[in-house]
Amino acid sequence: MTDYDTVLFDNDGVLVEPPAYETQSEATRTAFREVGVEAADRRHIDDVVEGVTADRLHEICAAYDFEVETFWDAREHHDEQSQLAAFRTGARTCYEDVAAITDVTCNRGVVSNNHHSTLEFLLDFFDPLPTFDTYYGREKTVQSLELKKPNPYYLERALTDLDAKSALYVGDSESDVIAAHRAGMDSVFVRRSHCRDVDLSVAPTYEAESLHEVAAITNE
């Protein structure tokens, strides 16, 4: 068992419930309407919601002949506002086992593909969430799409902040596992209900069903 000096956590699907597809798709439709498209192609909405790349975003915007940055600004605004509304109304919340993170006694951080400003809101909004030594989400820009996991960019920034020598990343997706390994980290794949039956093409260092198990890994 490795003696870790740093543990980094993904946010959506690990600390808090992931956003609902319906919420994100409606925010995307609202953004399309804001730039003058009343009935966007469902495939385009799905592509935006399901993890659009910068190249694909340019293709989608070219199909409607509008500026990429104009649409993306609208999409990011409405996506963030829909997420904050879901948290404030209790439609979306943090997982009950987040308190177990307090048993992780080494440096702790959060690295998410969600907006940095959304992550900042969550860490302040939810009392059950423990304190973290650093955290990173992405900027609300087109350029940030290239820096999302599995790109290890934000993981590496967090590792530098914490002067990490031996680190573990806790996620709920294959891209989390890949990003961790690219950053030279061990990984934990947490099998929450939304990813219970996912088949991974890359093997994580550990698998767990709760953050209690993650805390146990770091303390063995």
Protein backbone atom coordinates (compact mmCIF):
# COMPACT_ATOMS: atom_id res chain seq x y z
CA MET A 1 0.00 0.00 0.00
CA THR A 2 1.38 3.39 -1.03
CA ASP A 3 1.79 6.09 1.60
CA TYR A 4 0.03 9.02 -0.07
CA ASP A 5 0.81 12.62 0.82
CA THR A 6 -2.01 14.01 -1.37
CA VAL A 7 -5.51 12.91 -2.36
CA LEU A 8 -7.43 14.78 -5.07
CA PHE A 9 -11.16 14.28 -5.66
CA ASP A 10 -13.36 14.77 -8.68
CA ASN A 11 -16.49 16.75 -7.88
CA ASP A 12 -19.56 15.70 -9.90
CA GLY A 13 -20.38 12.08 -9.20
CA VAL A 14 -17.89 11.85 -6.32
CA LEU A 15 -18.61 14.71 -3.90
CA VAL A 16 -21.97 15.82 -5.29
CA GLU A 17 -24.61 14.19 -7.44
CA PRO A 18 -23.98 14.61 -11.17
CA PRO A 19 -26.13 17.07 -13.12
CA ALA A 20 -29.26 15.68 -14.71
CA TYR A 21 -29.23 15.38 -18.50
CA GLU A 22 -32.60 17.16 -18.68
CA THR A 23 -31.25 20.16 -16.76
CA GLN A 24 -28.19 20.49 -18.95
CA SER A 25 -30.08 19.98 -22.21
CA GLU A 26 -32.63 22.65 -21.29
CA ALA A 27 -29.83 25.08 -20.43
CA THR A 28 -28.29 24.32 -23.83
CA ARG A 29 -31.62 24.89 -25.64
CA THR A 30 -31.94 28.21 -23.82
CA ALA A 31 -28.48 29.20 -25.03
CA PHE A 32 -29.40 28.29 -28.62
CA ARG A 33 -32.57 30.37 -28.37
CA GLU A 34 -30.58 33.28 -26.98
CA VAL A 35 -28.43 33.38 -30.12
CA GLY A 36 -31.43 33.04 -32.41
CA VAL A 37 -31.89 29.28 -32.91
CA GLU A 38 -35.37 28.24 -31.80
CA ALA A 39 -35.11 24.56 -32.73
CA ALA A 40 -31.55 23.26 -32.53
CA ASP A 41 -30.77 19.81 -33.87
CA ARG A 42 -31.08 17.24 -31.08
CA ARG A 43 -27.70 15.76 -32.07
CA HIS A 44 -26.08 19.14 -31.51
CA ILE A 45 -27.70 19.48 -28.09
CA ASP A 46 -26.52 15.99 -27.15
CA ASP A 47 -22.98 16.73 -28.33
CA VAL A 48 -22.80 19.90 -26.24
CA VAL A 49 -24.18 18.20 -23.14
CA GLU A 50 -22.13 15.03 -23.40
CA GLY A 51 -18.68 16.62 -23.40
CA VAL A 52 -18.18 18.67 -26.54
CA THR A 53 -14.65 19.31 -27.82
CA ALA A 54 -13.53 22.68 -29.12
CA ASP A 55 -13.39 21.32 -32.67
CA ARG A 56 -16.90 19.89 -32.49
CA LEU A 57 -18.20 23.13 -30.99
CA HIS A 58 -16.79 25.07 -33.94
CA GLU A 59 -18.53 22.64 -36.33
CA ILE A 60 -21.87 23.05 -34.54
CA CYS A 61 -21.66 26.83 -34.56
CA ALA A 62 -20.67 26.85 -38.23
CA ALA A 63 -23.84 24.89 -39.02
CA TYR A 64 -25.90 27.82 -37.69
CA ASP A 65 -23.49 30.54 -38.81
CA PHE A 66 -22.96 32.21 -35.46
CA GLU A 67 -19.88 33.11 -33.41
CA VAL A 68 -18.51 30.31 -31.25
CA GLU A 69 -17.68 32.57 -28.31
CA THR A 70 -21.13 34.18 -28.35
CA PHE A 71 -22.90 30.85 -28.16
CA TRP A 72 -20.48 29.38 -25.63
CA ASP A 73 -20.80 32.38 -23.31
CA ALA A 74 -24.57 31.90 -23.34
CA ARG A 75 -24.32 28.15 -22.82
CA GLU A 76 -21.89 28.40 -19.93
CA HIS A 77 -23.99 31.07 -18.22
CA HIS A 78 -27.25 29.12 -18.45
CA ASP A 79 -25.58 25.82 -17.58
CA GLU A 80 -24.06 27.28 -14.44
CA GLN A 81 -27.27 29.03 -13.39
CA SER A 82 -29.26 25.82 -13.85
CA GLN A 83 -26.79 23.94 -11.66
CA LEU A 84 -26.87 26.54 -8.90
CA ALA A 85 -30.68 26.51 -8.96
CA ALA A 86 -30.71 22.71 -8.59
CA PHE A 87 -28.42 22.90 -5.56
CA ARG A 88 -30.35 25.74 -3.93
CA THR A 89 -33.69 23.91 -4.28
CA GLY A 90 -32.25 20.61 -3.08
CA ALA A 91 -32.92 18.85 -6.39
CA ARG A 92 -29.22 18.03 -6.38
CA THR A 93 -27.02 17.61 -3.33
CA CYS A 94 -23.79 16.19 -1.98
CA TYR A 95 -23.40 12.50 -1.15
CA GLU A 96 -23.96 11.39 2.44
CA ASP A 97 -20.50 9.87 2.72
CA VAL A 98 -18.54 13.09 2.04
CA ALA A 99 -17.92 13.39 5.77
CA ALA A 100 -15.56 10.43 5.40
CA ILE A 101 -13.11 12.75 3.65
CA THR A 102 -12.23 14.24 7.03
CA ASP A 103 -10.55 10.89 7.75
CA VAL A 104 -8.14 11.57 4.88
CA THR A 105 -5.43 13.27 6.90
CA CYS A 106 -2.99 14.20 4.10
CA ASN A 107 -3.32 17.15 1.72
CA ARG A 108 -6.70 17.23 -0.01
CA GLY A 109 -7.82 18.89 -3.21
CA VAL A 110 -10.60 18.91 -5.81
CA VAL A 111 -10.16 18.86 -9.58
CA SER A 112 -13.28 19.00 -11.73
CA ASN A 113 -14.29 19.45 -15.37
CA ASN A 114 -17.10 21.68 -14.10
CA HIS A 115 -16.71 25.46 -13.98
CA HIS A 116 -14.29 26.81 -11.40
CA SER A 117 -16.93 29.30 -10.27
CA THR A 118 -19.50 26.50 -9.82
CA LEU A 119 -17.02 24.51 -7.78
CA GLU A 120 -16.27 27.57 -5.67
CA PHE A 121 -19.99 27.99 -4.98
CA LEU A 122 -20.38 24.34 -3.94
CA LEU A 123 -17.47 24.32 -1.53
CA ASP A 124 -19.02 27.30 0.23
CA PHE A 125 -22.67 26.23 -0.04
CA PHE A 126 -22.54 22.71 1.41
CA ASP A 127 -21.65 22.57 5.10
CA PRO A 128 -20.97 18.80 5.04
CA LEU A 129 -18.10 19.27 2.59
CA PRO A 130 -14.75 19.34 4.36
CA THR A 131 -12.09 21.93 3.65
CA PHE A 132 -9.64 21.41 0.80
CA ASP A 133 -6.14 22.75 0.38
CA THR A 134 -6.60 23.59 -3.29
CA TYR A 135 -9.24 23.19 -5.98
CA TYR A 136 -9.58 23.65 -9.72
CA GLY A 137 -12.45 23.73 -12.14
CA ARG A 138 -12.18 24.98 -15.67
CA GLU A 139 -12.66 28.52 -16.91
CA LYS A 140 -15.87 29.22 -18.84
CA THR A 141 -14.04 29.55 -22.15
CA VAL A 142 -13.86 27.61 -25.41
CA GLN A 143 -10.13 27.14 -24.82
CA SER A 144 -10.76 25.36 -21.51
CA LEU A 145 -12.43 22.48 -23.37
CA GLU A 146 -8.99 21.33 -24.48
CA LEU A 147 -7.83 21.26 -20.83
CA LYS A 148 -10.59 19.02 -19.51
CA LYS A 149 -9.80 15.54 -18.28
CA PRO A 150 -8.43 13.23 -19.60
CA ASN A 151 -5.97 16.09 -20.10
CA PRO A 152 -4.05 16.16 -16.77
CA TYR A 153 -3.57 19.96 -16.88
CA TYR A 154 -5.63 20.86 -13.82
CA LEU A 155 -4.48 17.80 -11.89
CA GLU A 156 -0.90 18.83 -12.45
CA ARG A 157 -1.63 22.37 -11.26
CA ALA A 158 -3.12 20.98 -8.04
CA LEU A 159 -0.15 18.67 -7.52
CA THR A 160 2.21 21.61 -7.90
CA ASP A 161 0.21 23.66 -5.39
CA LEU A 162 0.51 20.88 -2.83
CA ASP A 163 4.10 19.90 -3.65
CA ALA A 164 2.80 16.34 -3.97
CA LYS A 165 5.24 13.45 -4.15
CA SER A 166 2.79 10.53 -4.00
CA ALA A 167 -0.79 11.30 -4.96
CA LEU A 168 -4.13 9.57 -5.47
CA TYR A 169 -7.04 10.78 -7.62
CA VAL A 170 -10.61 9.75 -6.86
CA GLY A 171 -13.05 9.80 -9.77
CA ASP A 172 -16.12 8.20 -11.30
CA SER A 173 -15.25 8.05 -15.01
CA GLU A 174 -12.76 6.50 -17.36
CA SER A 175 -11.42 9.96 -18.21
CA ASP A 176 -10.63 10.46 -14.51
CA VAL A 177 -8.56 7.26 -14.46
CA ILE A 178 -6.72 8.20 -17.66
CA ALA A 179 -6.02 11.74 -16.44
CA ALA A 180 -4.67 10.43 -13.15
CA HIS A 181 -2.30 8.03 -14.83
CA ARG A 182 -1.13 10.72 -17.27
CA ALA A 183 -0.33 12.89 -14.26
CA GLY A 184 1.66 10.08 -12.67
CA MET A 185 -0.97 9.43 -10.00
CA ASP A 186 -2.66 6.33 -8.65
CA SER A 187 -6.43 6.29 -9.09
CA VAL A 188 -9.63 5.17 -7.38
CA PHE A 189 -12.75 4.50 -9.44
CA VAL A 190 -15.79 5.02 -7.22
CA ARG A 191 -18.75 2.96 -8.40
CA ARG A 192 -21.68 5.19 -7.54
CA SER A 193 -25.15 4.22 -8.76
CA HIS A 194 -24.74 6.12 -12.05
CA CYS A 195 -21.54 4.23 -12.95
CA ARG A 196 -22.08 0.93 -11.15
CA ASP A 197 -21.98 -1.18 -14.30
CA VAL A 198 -19.50 0.82 -16.38
CA ASP A 199 -16.86 -1.26 -18.16
CA LEU A 200 -13.49 0.48 -18.12
CA SER A 201 -10.93 0.03 -20.87
CA VAL A 202 -8.19 1.17 -18.48
CA ALA A 203 -7.64 -0.27 -15.04
CA PRO A 204 -7.72 2.02 -11.99
CA THR A 205 -5.33 1.33 -9.13
CA TYR A 206 -8.31 0.69 -6.84
CA GLU A 207 -12.08 0.44 -7.01
CA ALA A 208 -14.41 1.52 -4.22
CA GLU A 209 -18.12 1.84 -3.57
CA SER A 210 -17.95 4.74 -1.13
CA LEU A 211 -15.71 7.48 0.20
CA HIS A 212 -15.41 5.49 3.42
CA GLU A 213 -13.49 2.90 1.41
CA VAL A 214 -11.35 5.66 -0.12
CA ALA A 215 -10.45 6.95 3.34
CA ALA A 216 -9.52 3.42 4.37
CA ILE A 217 -7.21 3.11 1.36
CA THR A 218 -5.34 6.26 2.34
CA ASN A 219 -4.96 5.14 5.94
CA GLU A 220 -3.72 1.59 5.42
